[in-house]
PDB file of all heavy atoms in Angstrom:
ATOM      1  N   SER A   1     115.784  44.748 109.588  1.00  0.00           N
ATOM      2  CA  SER A   1     115.436  44.039 108.383  1.00  0.00           C
ATOM      3  C   SER A   1     114.827  42.709 108.901  1.00  0.00           C
ATOM      4  O   SER A   1     114.983  42.213 109.983  1.00  0.00           O
ATOM      5  CB  SER A   1     116.598  43.888 107.520  1.00  0.00           C
ATOM      6  OG  SER A   1     117.624  43.083 108.180  1.00  0.00           O
ATOM      7  N   PRO A   2     114.122  42.065 107.824  1.00  0.00           N
ATOM      8  CA  PRO A   2     113.454  40.769 108.210  1.00  0.00           C
ATOM      9  C   PRO A   2     114.567  39.753 108.631  1.00  0.00           C
ATOM     10  O   PRO A   2     115.716  39.837 108.147  1.00  0.00           O
ATOM     11  CB  PRO A   2     112.791  40.298 106.918  1.00  0.00           C
ATOM     12  CG  PRO A   2     112.610  41.619 106.144  1.00  0.00           C
ATOM     13  CD  PRO A   2     113.705  42.529 106.591  1.00  0.00           C
ATOM     14  N   THR A   3     114.104  38.848 109.482  1.00  0.00           N
ATOM     15  CA  THR A   3     115.015  37.758 109.930  1.00  0.00           C
ATOM     16  C   THR A   3     115.176  36.729 108.801  1.00  0.00           C
ATOM     17  O   THR A   3     114.481  36.782 107.777  1.00  0.00           O
ATOM     18  CB  THR A   3     114.395  37.091 111.186  1.00  0.00           C
ATOM     19  OG1 THR A   3     113.176  36.389 110.736  1.00  0.00           O
ATOM     20  CG2 THR A   3     114.177  37.993 112.225  1.00  0.00           C
ATOM     21  N   GLU A   4     116.101  35.825 109.050  1.00  0.00           N
ATOM     22  CA  GLU A   4     116.366  34.740 108.075  1.00  0.00           C
ATOM     23  C   GLU A   4     115.083  33.922 107.793  1.00  0.00           C
ATOM     24  O   GLU A   4     114.972  33.233 106.724  1.00  0.00           O
ATOM     25  CB  GLU A   4     117.422  33.843 108.561  1.00  0.00           C
ATOM     26  CG  GLU A   4     118.845  34.536 108.513  1.00  0.00           C
ATOM     27  CD  GLU A   4     119.988  33.736 109.075  1.00  0.00           C
ATOM     28  OE1 GLU A   4     119.784  32.508 109.199  1.00  0.00           O
ATOM     29  OE2 GLU A   4     120.995  34.305 109.335  1.00  0.00           O
ATOM     30  N   THR A   5     114.190  33.778 108.712  1.00  0.00           N
ATOM     31  CA  THR A   5     112.990  33.046 108.552  1.00  0.00           C
ATOM     32  C   THR A   5     111.941  33.828 107.632  1.00  0.00           C
ATOM     33  O   THR A   5     110.973  33.210 107.348  1.00  0.00           O
ATOM     34  CB  THR A   5     112.293  32.754 109.839  1.00  0.00           C
ATOM     35  OG1 THR A   5     111.931  33.819 110.489  1.00  0.00           O
ATOM     36  CG2 THR A   5     113.327  31.972 110.740  1.00  0.00           C
ATOM     37  N   GLY A   6     112.289  34.947 107.340  1.00  0.00           N
ATOM     38  CA  GLY A   6     111.273  35.745 106.518  1.00  0.00           C
ATOM     39  C   GLY A   6     110.289  36.535 107.306  1.00  0.00           C
ATOM     40  O   GLY A   6     109.562  37.335 106.774  1.00  0.00           O
ATOM     41  N   ARG A   7     110.278  36.318 108.658  1.00  0.00           N
ATOM     42  CA  ARG A   7     109.383  37.095 109.517  1.00  0.00           C
ATOM     43  C   ARG A   7     110.087  38.332 109.914  1.00  0.00           C
ATOM     44  O   ARG A   7     111.254  38.324 110.142  1.00  0.00           O
ATOM     45  CB  ARG A   7     109.066  36.377 110.799  1.00  0.00           C
ATOM     46  CG  ARG A   7     108.151  35.111 110.565  1.00  0.00           C
ATOM     47  CD  ARG A   7     107.733  34.485 111.808  1.00  0.00           C
ATOM     48  NE  ARG A   7     108.831  34.267 112.589  1.00  0.00           N
ATOM     49  CZ  ARG A   7     108.752  33.835 113.836  1.00  0.00           C
ATOM     50  NH1 ARG A   7     107.576  33.687 114.546  1.00  0.00           N
ATOM     51  NH2 ARG A   7     109.847  33.565 114.583  1.00  0.00           N
ATOM     52  N   THR A   8     109.337  39.469 109.981  1.00  0.00           N
ATOM     53  CA  THR A   8     109.887  40.668 110.441  1.00  0.00           C
ATOM     54  C   THR A   8     110.123  40.493 112.012  1.00  0.00           C
ATOM     55  O   THR A   8     109.414  39.798 112.558  1.00  0.00           O
ATOM     56  CB  THR A   8     109.152  41.860 110.138  1.00  0.00           C
ATOM     57  OG1 THR A   8     107.891  41.752 110.829  1.00  0.00           O
ATOM     58  CG2 THR A   8     109.001  42.170 108.744  1.00  0.00           C
ATOM     59  N   PRO A   9     111.215  41.077 112.589  1.00  0.00           N
ATOM     60  CA  PRO A   9     111.398  40.974 114.094  1.00  0.00           C
ATOM     61  C   PRO A   9     110.165  41.472 114.900  1.00  0.00           C
ATOM     62  O   PRO A   9     109.952  40.847 115.954  1.00  0.00           O
ATOM     63  CB  PRO A   9     112.485  41.832 114.270  1.00  0.00           C
ATOM     64  CG  PRO A   9     113.342  41.914 113.071  1.00  0.00           C
ATOM     65  CD  PRO A   9     112.274  41.855 112.024  1.00  0.00           C
ATOM     66  N   THR A  10     109.290  42.343 114.374  1.00  0.00           N
ATOM     67  CA  THR A  10     108.162  42.790 115.137  1.00  0.00           C
ATOM     68  C   THR A  10     107.055  41.699 115.276  1.00  0.00           C
ATOM     69  O   THR A  10     106.166  41.808 116.057  1.00  0.00           O
ATOM     70  CB  THR A  10     107.567  43.999 114.519  1.00  0.00           C
ATOM     71  OG1 THR A  10     107.245  43.800 113.227  1.00  0.00           O
ATOM     72  CG2 THR A  10     108.530  45.221 114.740  1.00  0.00           C
ATOM     73  N   SER A  11     107.235  40.610 114.545  1.00  0.00           N
ATOM     74  CA  SER A  11     106.189  39.569 114.557  1.00  0.00           C
ATOM     75  C   SER A  11     106.581  38.376 115.379  1.00  0.00           C
ATOM     76  O   SER A  11     105.892  37.409 115.492  1.00  0.00           O
ATOM     77  CB  SER A  11     105.862  39.025 113.119  1.00  0.00           C
ATOM     78  OG  SER A  11     107.031  38.324 112.545  1.00  0.00           O
ATOM     79  N   LEU A  12     107.623  38.562 116.200  1.00  0.00           N
ATOM     80  CA  LEU A  12     108.069  37.502 117.114  1.00  0.00           C
ATOM     81  C   LEU A  12     106.951  37.292 118.129  1.00  0.00           C
ATOM     82  O   LEU A  12     106.400  38.267 118.637  1.00  0.00           O
ATOM     83  CB  LEU A  12     109.378  37.740 117.733  1.00  0.00           C
ATOM     84  CG  LEU A  12     110.499  37.731 116.799  1.00  0.00           C
ATOM     85  CD1 LEU A  12     111.776  38.338 117.423  1.00  0.00           C
ATOM     86  CD2 LEU A  12     110.841  36.422 116.225  1.00  0.00           C
ATOM     87  N   PRO A  13     106.704  35.989 118.594  1.00  0.00           N
ATOM     88  CA  PRO A  13     105.650  35.769 119.507  1.00  0.00           C
ATOM     89  C   PRO A  13     106.044  36.331 120.933  1.00  0.00           C
ATOM     90  O   PRO A  13     107.094  36.259 121.280  1.00  0.00           O
ATOM     91  CB  PRO A  13     105.445  34.239 119.562  1.00  0.00           C
ATOM     92  CG  PRO A  13     106.805  33.763 118.960  1.00  0.00           C
ATOM     93  CD  PRO A  13     107.314  34.857 118.102  1.00  0.00           C
ATOM     94  N   GLY A  14     104.970  36.703 121.671  1.00  0.00           N
ATOM     95  CA  GLY A  14     105.147  37.005 123.053  1.00  0.00           C
ATOM     96  C   GLY A  14     105.510  38.441 123.279  1.00  0.00           C
ATOM     97  O   GLY A  14     105.231  39.013 124.467  1.00  0.00           O
ATOM     98  N   CYS A  15     106.166  39.233 122.447  1.00  0.00           N
ATOM     99  CA  CYS A  15     106.522  40.526 122.695  1.00  0.00           C
ATOM    100  C   CYS A  15     106.177  41.394 121.363  1.00  0.00           C
ATOM    101  O   CYS A  15     106.210  40.778 120.290  1.00  0.00           O
ATOM    102  CB  CYS A  15     108.042  40.772 122.927  1.00  0.00           C
ATOM    103  SG  CYS A  15     108.524  39.879 124.507  1.00  0.00           S
ATOM    104  N   ARG A  16     105.973  42.691 121.551  1.00  0.00           N
ATOM    105  CA  ARG A  16     105.714  43.478 120.343  1.00  0.00           C
ATOM    106  C   ARG A  16     106.330  44.900 120.600  1.00  0.00           C
ATOM    107  O   ARG A  16     106.384  45.342 121.677  1.00  0.00           O
ATOM    108  CB  ARG A  16     104.236  43.578 120.169  1.00  0.00           C
ATOM    109  CG  ARG A  16     103.447  44.188 121.299  1.00  0.00           C
ATOM    110  CD  ARG A  16     101.958  43.929 121.049  1.00  0.00           C
ATOM    111  NE  ARG A  16     101.242  44.443 122.219  1.00  0.00           N
ATOM    112  CZ  ARG A  16     100.413  45.477 122.252  1.00  0.00           C
ATOM    113  NH1 ARG A  16     100.199  46.098 121.217  1.00  0.00           N
ATOM    114  NH2 ARG A  16      99.762  45.715 123.408  1.00  0.00           N
ATOM    115  N   ASN A  17     106.650  45.532 119.447  1.00  0.00           N
ATOM    116  CA  ASN A  17     106.941  46.920 119.409  1.00  0.00           C
ATOM    117  C   ASN A  17     105.730  47.761 119.634  1.00  0.00           C
ATOM    118  O   ASN A  17     104.724  47.392 119.254  1.00  0.00           O
ATOM    119  CB  ASN A  17     107.633  47.315 118.004  1.00  0.00           C
ATOM    120  CG  ASN A  17     108.997  47.075 117.915  1.00  0.00           C
ATOM    121  OD1 ASN A  17     109.790  47.210 119.009  1.00  0.00           O
ATOM    122  ND2 ASN A  17     109.524  46.702 116.863  1.00  0.00           N
ATOM    123  N   LEU A  18     105.994  48.871 120.241  1.00  0.00           N
ATOM    124  CA  LEU A  18     104.966  49.941 120.429  1.00  0.00           C
ATOM    125  C   LEU A  18     105.395  51.270 120.019  1.00  0.00           C
ATOM    126  O   LEU A  18     106.668  51.359 119.967  1.00  0.00           O
ATOM    127  CB  LEU A  18     104.495  49.972 121.909  1.00  0.00           C
ATOM    128  CG  LEU A  18     103.880  48.687 122.561  1.00  0.00           C
ATOM    129  CD1 LEU A  18     103.630  48.929 124.107  1.00  0.00           C
ATOM    130  CD2 LEU A  18     102.562  48.285 121.873  1.00  0.00           C
ATOM    131  N   THR A  19     104.597  52.099 119.574  1.00  0.00           N
ATOM    132  CA  THR A  19     104.974  53.425 119.187  1.00  0.00           C
ATOM    133  C   THR A  19     105.097  54.184 120.522  1.00  0.00           C
ATOM    134  O   THR A  19     104.178  54.376 121.240  1.00  0.00           O
ATOM    135  CB  THR A  19     103.946  54.101 118.219  1.00  0.00           C
ATOM    136  OG1 THR A  19     103.887  53.242 117.104  1.00  0.00           O
ATOM    137  CG2 THR A  19     104.297  55.465 117.814  1.00  0.00           C
ATOM    138  N   ALA A  20     106.249  54.837 120.640  1.00  0.00           N
ATOM    139  CA  ALA A  20     106.516  55.689 121.857  1.00  0.00           C
ATOM    140  C   ALA A  20     105.905  57.041 121.600  1.00  0.00           C
ATOM    141  O   ALA A  20     106.340  57.832 120.797  1.00  0.00           O
ATOM    142  CB  ALA A  20     107.970  55.751 122.032  1.00  0.00           C
ATOM    143  N   THR A  21     105.055  57.415 122.574  1.00  0.00           N
ATOM    144  CA  THR A  21     104.378  58.739 122.572  1.00  0.00           C
ATOM    145  C   THR A  21     105.308  59.687 123.312  1.00  0.00           C
ATOM    146  O   THR A  21     106.230  59.230 124.101  1.00  0.00           O
ATOM    147  CB  THR A  21     103.105  58.789 123.252  1.00  0.00           C
ATOM    148  OG1 THR A  21     103.197  58.445 124.568  1.00  0.00           O
ATOM    149  CG2 THR A  21     102.012  57.833 122.508  1.00  0.00           C
ATOM    150  N   ASN A  22     105.079  61.016 123.219  1.00  0.00           N
ATOM    151  CA  ASN A  22     105.874  61.939 123.986  1.00  0.00           C
ATOM    152  C   ASN A  22     105.657  61.735 125.454  1.00  0.00           C
ATOM    153  O   ASN A  22     106.576  61.966 126.269  1.00  0.00           O
ATOM    154  CB  ASN A  22     105.441  63.367 123.645  1.00  0.00           C
ATOM    155  CG  ASN A  22     106.035  63.895 122.274  1.00  0.00           C
ATOM    156  OD1 ASN A  22     107.028  63.172 121.804  1.00  0.00           O
ATOM    157  ND2 ASN A  22     105.338  64.699 121.621  1.00  0.00           N
ATOM    158  N   GLN A  23     104.456  61.236 125.872  1.00  0.00           N
ATOM    159  CA  GLN A  23     104.183  60.968 127.263  1.00  0.00           C
ATOM    160  C   GLN A  23     105.074  59.809 127.826  1.00  0.00           C
ATOM    161  O   GLN A  23     105.601  59.868 128.851  1.00  0.00           O
ATOM    162  CB  GLN A  23     102.677  60.652 127.492  1.00  0.00           C
ATOM    163  CG  GLN A  23     102.381  60.359 128.977  1.00  0.00           C
ATOM    164  CD  GLN A  23     100.882  60.004 129.230  1.00  0.00           C
ATOM    165  OE1 GLN A  23     100.107  60.334 128.323  1.00  0.00           O
ATOM    166  NE2 GLN A  23     100.647  59.410 130.335  1.00  0.00           N
ATOM    167  N   VAL A  24     105.178  58.778 126.933  1.00  0.00           N
ATOM    168  CA  VAL A  24     106.007  57.651 127.387  1.00  0.00           C
ATOM    169  C   VAL A  24     107.446  58.109 127.536  1.00  0.00           C
ATOM    170  O   VAL A  24     108.048  57.792 128.430  1.00  0.00           O
ATOM    171  CB  VAL A  24     105.872  56.557 126.308  1.00  0.00           C
ATOM    172  CG1 VAL A  24     106.946  55.416 126.560  1.00  0.00           C
ATOM    173  CG2 VAL A  24     104.515  55.905 126.432  1.00  0.00           C
ATOM    174  N   LYS A  25     107.856  58.930 126.623  1.00  0.00           N
ATOM    175  CA  LYS A  25     109.324  59.342 126.626  1.00  0.00           C
ATOM    176  C   LYS A  25     109.535  60.266 127.879  1.00  0.00           C
ATOM    177  O   LYS A  25     110.611  60.135 128.513  1.00  0.00           O
ATOM    178  CB  LYS A  25     109.671  60.108 125.359  1.00  0.00           C
ATOM    179  CG  LYS A  25     109.711  59.229 124.193  1.00  0.00           C
ATOM    180  CD  LYS A  25     110.000  60.086 122.920  1.00  0.00           C
ATOM    181  CE  LYS A  25     110.105  59.251 121.655  1.00  0.00           C
ATOM    182  NZ  LYS A  25     110.402  60.035 120.465  1.00  0.00           N
ATOM    183  N   ALA A  26     108.570  61.068 128.223  1.00  0.00           N
ATOM    184  CA  ALA A  26     108.633  61.867 129.396  1.00  0.00           C
ATOM    185  C   ALA A  26     108.715  61.054 130.668  1.00  0.00           C
ATOM    186  O   ALA A  26     109.424  61.305 131.602  1.00  0.00           O
ATOM    187  CB  ALA A  26     107.492  62.958 129.457  1.00  0.00           C
ATOM    188  N   GLU A  27     107.821  60.038 130.720  1.00  0.00           N
ATOM    189  CA  GLU A  27     107.794  59.129 131.918  1.00  0.00           C
ATOM    190  C   GLU A  27     109.061  58.375 132.082  1.00  0.00           C
ATOM    191  O   GLU A  27     109.708  58.228 133.228  1.00  0.00           O
ATOM    192  CB  GLU A  27     106.624  58.163 131.795  1.00  0.00           C
ATOM    193  CG  GLU A  27     105.264  58.828 131.911  1.00  0.00           C
ATOM    194  CD  GLU A  27     104.146  57.941 131.544  1.00  0.00           C
ATOM    195  OE1 GLU A  27     104.327  56.691 131.145  1.00  0.00           O
ATOM    196  OE2 GLU A  27     102.976  58.385 131.736  1.00  0.00           O
ATOM    197  N   VAL A  28     109.708  57.872 131.048  1.00  0.00           N
ATOM    198  CA  VAL A  28     110.938  57.184 131.034  1.00  0.00           C
ATOM    199  C   VAL A  28     112.061  58.081 131.486  1.00  0.00           C
ATOM    200  O   VAL A  28     112.914  57.789 132.322  1.00  0.00           O
ATOM    201  CB  VAL A  28     111.273  56.475 129.665  1.00  0.00           C
ATOM    202  CG1 VAL A  28     112.608  56.029 129.617  1.00  0.00           C
ATOM    203  CG2 VAL A  28     110.342  55.305 129.464  1.00  0.00           C
ATOM    204  N   THR A  29     112.058  59.352 130.882  1.00  0.00           N
ATOM    205  CA  THR A  29     113.068  60.382 131.317  1.00  0.00           C
ATOM    206  C   THR A  29     112.843  60.698 132.774  1.00  0.00           C
ATOM    207  O   THR A  29     114.001  60.737 133.485  1.00  0.00           O
ATOM    208  CB  THR A  29     112.836  61.592 130.367  1.00  0.00           C
ATOM    209  OG1 THR A  29     113.058  61.307 129.038  1.00  0.00           O
ATOM    210  CG2 THR A  29     113.924  62.686 130.787  1.00  0.00           C
ATOM    211  N   GLY A  30     111.687  60.784 133.217  1.00  0.00           N
ATOM    212  CA  GLY A  30     111.504  61.025 134.727  1.00  0.00           C
ATOM    213  C   GLY A  30     112.043  59.872 135.616  1.00  0.00           C
ATOM    214  O   GLY A  30     112.659  60.135 136.601  1.00  0.00           O
ATOM    215  N   ALA A  31     111.895  58.631 135.105  1.00  0.00           N
ATOM    216  CA  ALA A  31     112.476  57.497 135.903  1.00  0.00           C
ATOM    217  C   ALA A  31     113.993  57.554 135.877  1.00  0.00           C
ATOM    218  O   ALA A  31     114.553  57.316 136.960  1.00  0.00           O
ATOM    219  CB  ALA A  31     111.934  56.197 135.226  1.00  0.00           C
ATOM    220  N   TYR A  32     114.577  58.026 134.730  1.00  0.00           N
ATOM    221  CA  TYR A  32     115.967  58.085 134.849  1.00  0.00           C
ATOM    222  C   TYR A  32     116.459  59.233 135.736  1.00  0.00           C
ATOM    223  O   TYR A  32     117.464  59.110 136.466  1.00  0.00           O
ATOM    224  CB  TYR A  32     116.529  58.383 133.359  1.00  0.00           C
ATOM    225  CG  TYR A  32     118.062  58.309 133.198  1.00  0.00           C
ATOM    226  CD1 TYR A  32     118.740  57.242 133.621  1.00  0.00           C
ATOM    227  CD2 TYR A  32     118.686  59.453 132.773  1.00  0.00           C
ATOM    228  CE1 TYR A  32     120.129  57.241 133.500  1.00  0.00           C
ATOM    229  CE2 TYR A  32     120.040  59.481 132.723  1.00  0.00           C
ATOM    230  CZ  TYR A  32     120.805  58.382 132.989  1.00  0.00           C
ATOM    231  OH  TYR A  32     122.162  58.398 132.988  1.00  0.00           O
ATOM    232  N   LYS A  33     115.810  60.371 135.659  1.00  0.00           N
ATOM    233  CA  LYS A  33     116.137  61.512 136.522  1.00  0.00           C
ATOM    234  C   LYS A  33     115.999  61.064 138.052  1.00  0.00           C
ATOM    235  O   LYS A  33     116.781  61.640 138.807  1.00  0.00           O
ATOM    236  CB  LYS A  33     115.350  62.705 136.190  1.00  0.00           C
ATOM    237  CG  LYS A  33     115.689  63.389 134.914  1.00  0.00           C
ATOM    238  CD  LYS A  33     114.637  64.549 134.533  1.00  0.00           C
ATOM    239  CE  LYS A  33     115.017  65.217 133.295  1.00  0.00           C
ATOM    240  NZ  LYS A  33     114.087  66.409 133.068  1.00  0.00           N
ATOM    241  N   ARG A  34     115.080  60.347 138.375  1.00  0.00           N
ATOM    242  CA  ARG A  34     114.954  59.842 139.782  1.00  0.00           C
ATOM    243  C   ARG A  34     116.047  59.042 140.156  1.00  0.00           C
ATOM    244  O   ARG A  34     116.459  59.022 141.333  1.00  0.00           O
ATOM    245  CB  ARG A  34     113.570  59.141 139.888  1.00  0.00           C
ATOM    246  CG  ARG A  34     112.300  59.894 139.946  1.00  0.00           C
ATOM    247  CD  ARG A  34     111.060  59.175 140.501  1.00  0.00           C
ATOM    248  NE  ARG A  34     110.779  58.065 139.587  1.00  0.00           N
ATOM    249  CZ  ARG A  34     110.035  58.075 138.489  1.00  0.00           C
ATOM    250  NH1 ARG A  34     109.712  59.233 138.017  1.00  0.00           N
ATOM    251  NH2 ARG A  34     109.871  57.021 137.797  1.00  0.00           N
ATOM    252  N   SER A  35     116.608  58.154 139.194  1.00  0.00           N
ATOM    253  CA  SER A  35     117.720  57.360 139.552  1.00  0.00           C
ATOM    254  C   SER A  35     119.030  58.054 139.530  1.00  0.00           C
ATOM    255  O   SER A  35     119.960  57.700 140.190  1.00  0.00           O
ATOM    256  CB  SER A  35     117.757  56.170 138.531  1.00  0.00           C
ATOM    257  OG  SER A  35     116.739  55.345 138.587  1.00  0.00           O
ATOM    258  N   PHE A  36     119.211  59.139 138.813  1.00  0.00           N
ATOM    259  CA  PHE A  36     120.380  59.961 138.617  1.00  0.00           C
ATOM    260  C   PHE A  36     119.934  61.456 138.846  1.00  0.00           C
ATOM    261  O   PHE A  36     119.953  62.159 137.856  1.00  0.00           O
ATOM    262  CB  PHE A  36     120.990  59.763 137.270  1.00  0.00           C
ATOM    263  CG  PHE A  36     121.539  58.350 137.060  1.00  0.00           C
ATOM    264  CD1 PHE A  36     120.761  57.396 136.642  1.00  0.00           C
ATOM    265  CD2 PHE A  36     122.829  58.075 137.563  1.00  0.00           C
ATOM    266  CE1 PHE A  36     121.134  56.067 136.484  1.00  0.00           C
ATOM    267  CE2 PHE A  36     123.302  56.661 137.376  1.00  0.00           C
ATOM    268  CZ  PHE A  36     122.404  55.771 136.942  1.00  0.00           C
ATOM    269  N   PRO A  37     119.649  61.909 140.056  1.00  0.00           N
ATOM    270  CA  PRO A  37     119.083  63.192 140.210  1.00  0.00           C
ATOM    271  C   PRO A  37     120.030  64.358 139.826  1.00  0.00           C
ATOM    272  O   PRO A  37     119.472  65.581 139.748  1.00  0.00           O
ATOM    273  CB  PRO A  37     118.665  63.195 141.745  1.00  0.00           C
ATOM    274  CG  PRO A  37     119.407  62.029 142.296  1.00  0.00           C
ATOM    275  CD  PRO A  37     119.658  61.041 141.320  1.00  0.00           C
ATOM    276  N   ARG A  38     121.257  64.071 139.737  1.00  0.00           N
ATOM    277  CA  ARG A  38     122.200  65.270 139.336  1.00  0.00           C
ATOM    278  C   ARG A  38     122.017  65.513 137.901  1.00  0.00           C
ATOM    279  O   ARG A  38     122.484  66.606 137.427  1.00  0.00           O
ATOM    280  CB  ARG A  38     123.644  64.877 139.766  1.00  0.00           C
ATOM    281  CG  ARG A  38     124.207  63.849 138.835  1.00  0.00           C
ATOM    282  CD  ARG A  38     125.661  63.479 139.244  1.00  0.00           C
ATOM    283  NE  ARG A  38     126.348  62.752 138.286  1.00  0.00           N
ATOM    284  CZ  ARG A  38     126.143  61.407 137.980  1.00  0.00           C
ATOM    285  NH1 ARG A  38     125.263  60.764 138.574  1.00  0.00           N
ATOM    286  NH2 ARG A  38     126.959  60.874 136.952  1.00  0.00           N
ATOM    287  N   LEU A  39     121.398  64.711 137.155  1.00  0.00           N
ATOM    288  CA  LEU A  39     121.168  64.997 135.658  1.00  0.00           C
ATOM    289  C   LEU A  39     119.734  65.375 135.420  1.00  0.00           C
ATOM    290  O   LEU A  39     118.763  64.646 135.598  1.00  0.00           O
ATOM    291  CB  LEU A  39     121.448  63.660 134.848  1.00  0.00           C
ATOM    292  CG  LEU A  39     122.909  63.137 134.947  1.00  0.00           C
ATOM    293  CD1 LEU A  39     122.984  61.879 134.245  1.00  0.00           C
ATOM    294  CD2 LEU A  39     123.900  64.089 134.569  1.00  0.00           C
ATOM    295  N   VAL A  40     119.621  66.721 135.271  1.00  0.00           N
ATOM    296  CA  VAL A  40     118.294  67.388 135.144  1.00  0.00           C
ATOM    297  C   VAL A  40     117.921  67.765 133.703  1.00  0.00           C
ATOM    298  O   VAL A  40     116.808  67.484 133.299  1.00  0.00           O
ATOM    299  CB  VAL A  40     118.219  68.528 135.995  1.00  0.00           C
ATOM    300  CG1 VAL A  40     116.867  69.318 135.818  1.00  0.00           C
ATOM    301  CG2 VAL A  40     118.501  68.255 137.493  1.00  0.00           C
ATOM    302  N   HIS A  41     118.895  68.291 132.985  1.00  0.00           N
ATOM    303  CA  HIS A  41     118.734  68.837 131.639  1.00  0.00           C
ATOM    304  C   HIS A  41     119.054  67.739 130.590  1.00  0.00           C
ATOM    305  O   HIS A  41     120.128  67.710 130.086  1.00  0.00           O
ATOM    306  CB  HIS A  41     119.414  70.065 131.360  1.00  0.00           C
ATOM    307  CG  HIS A  41     119.126  71.184 132.407  1.00  0.00           C
ATOM    308  ND1 HIS A  41     119.714  71.418 133.526  1.00  0.00           N
ATOM    309  CD2 HIS A  41     118.112  72.151 132.267  1.00  0.00           C
ATOM    310  CE1 HIS A  41     119.193  72.426 134.169  1.00  0.00           C
ATOM    311  NE2 HIS A  41     118.284  72.820 133.436  1.00  0.00           N
TER     312      HIS A  41
END
């Protein structure tokens, strides 16, 4: 929900939300699997 200042959190300066595509999710999952190779599924 909007912050007390009336701005939505996605409008904070310097950083922004992005829409995660299936490719991004797959890449992040791959990074996790590399760090914890015993977890495959």
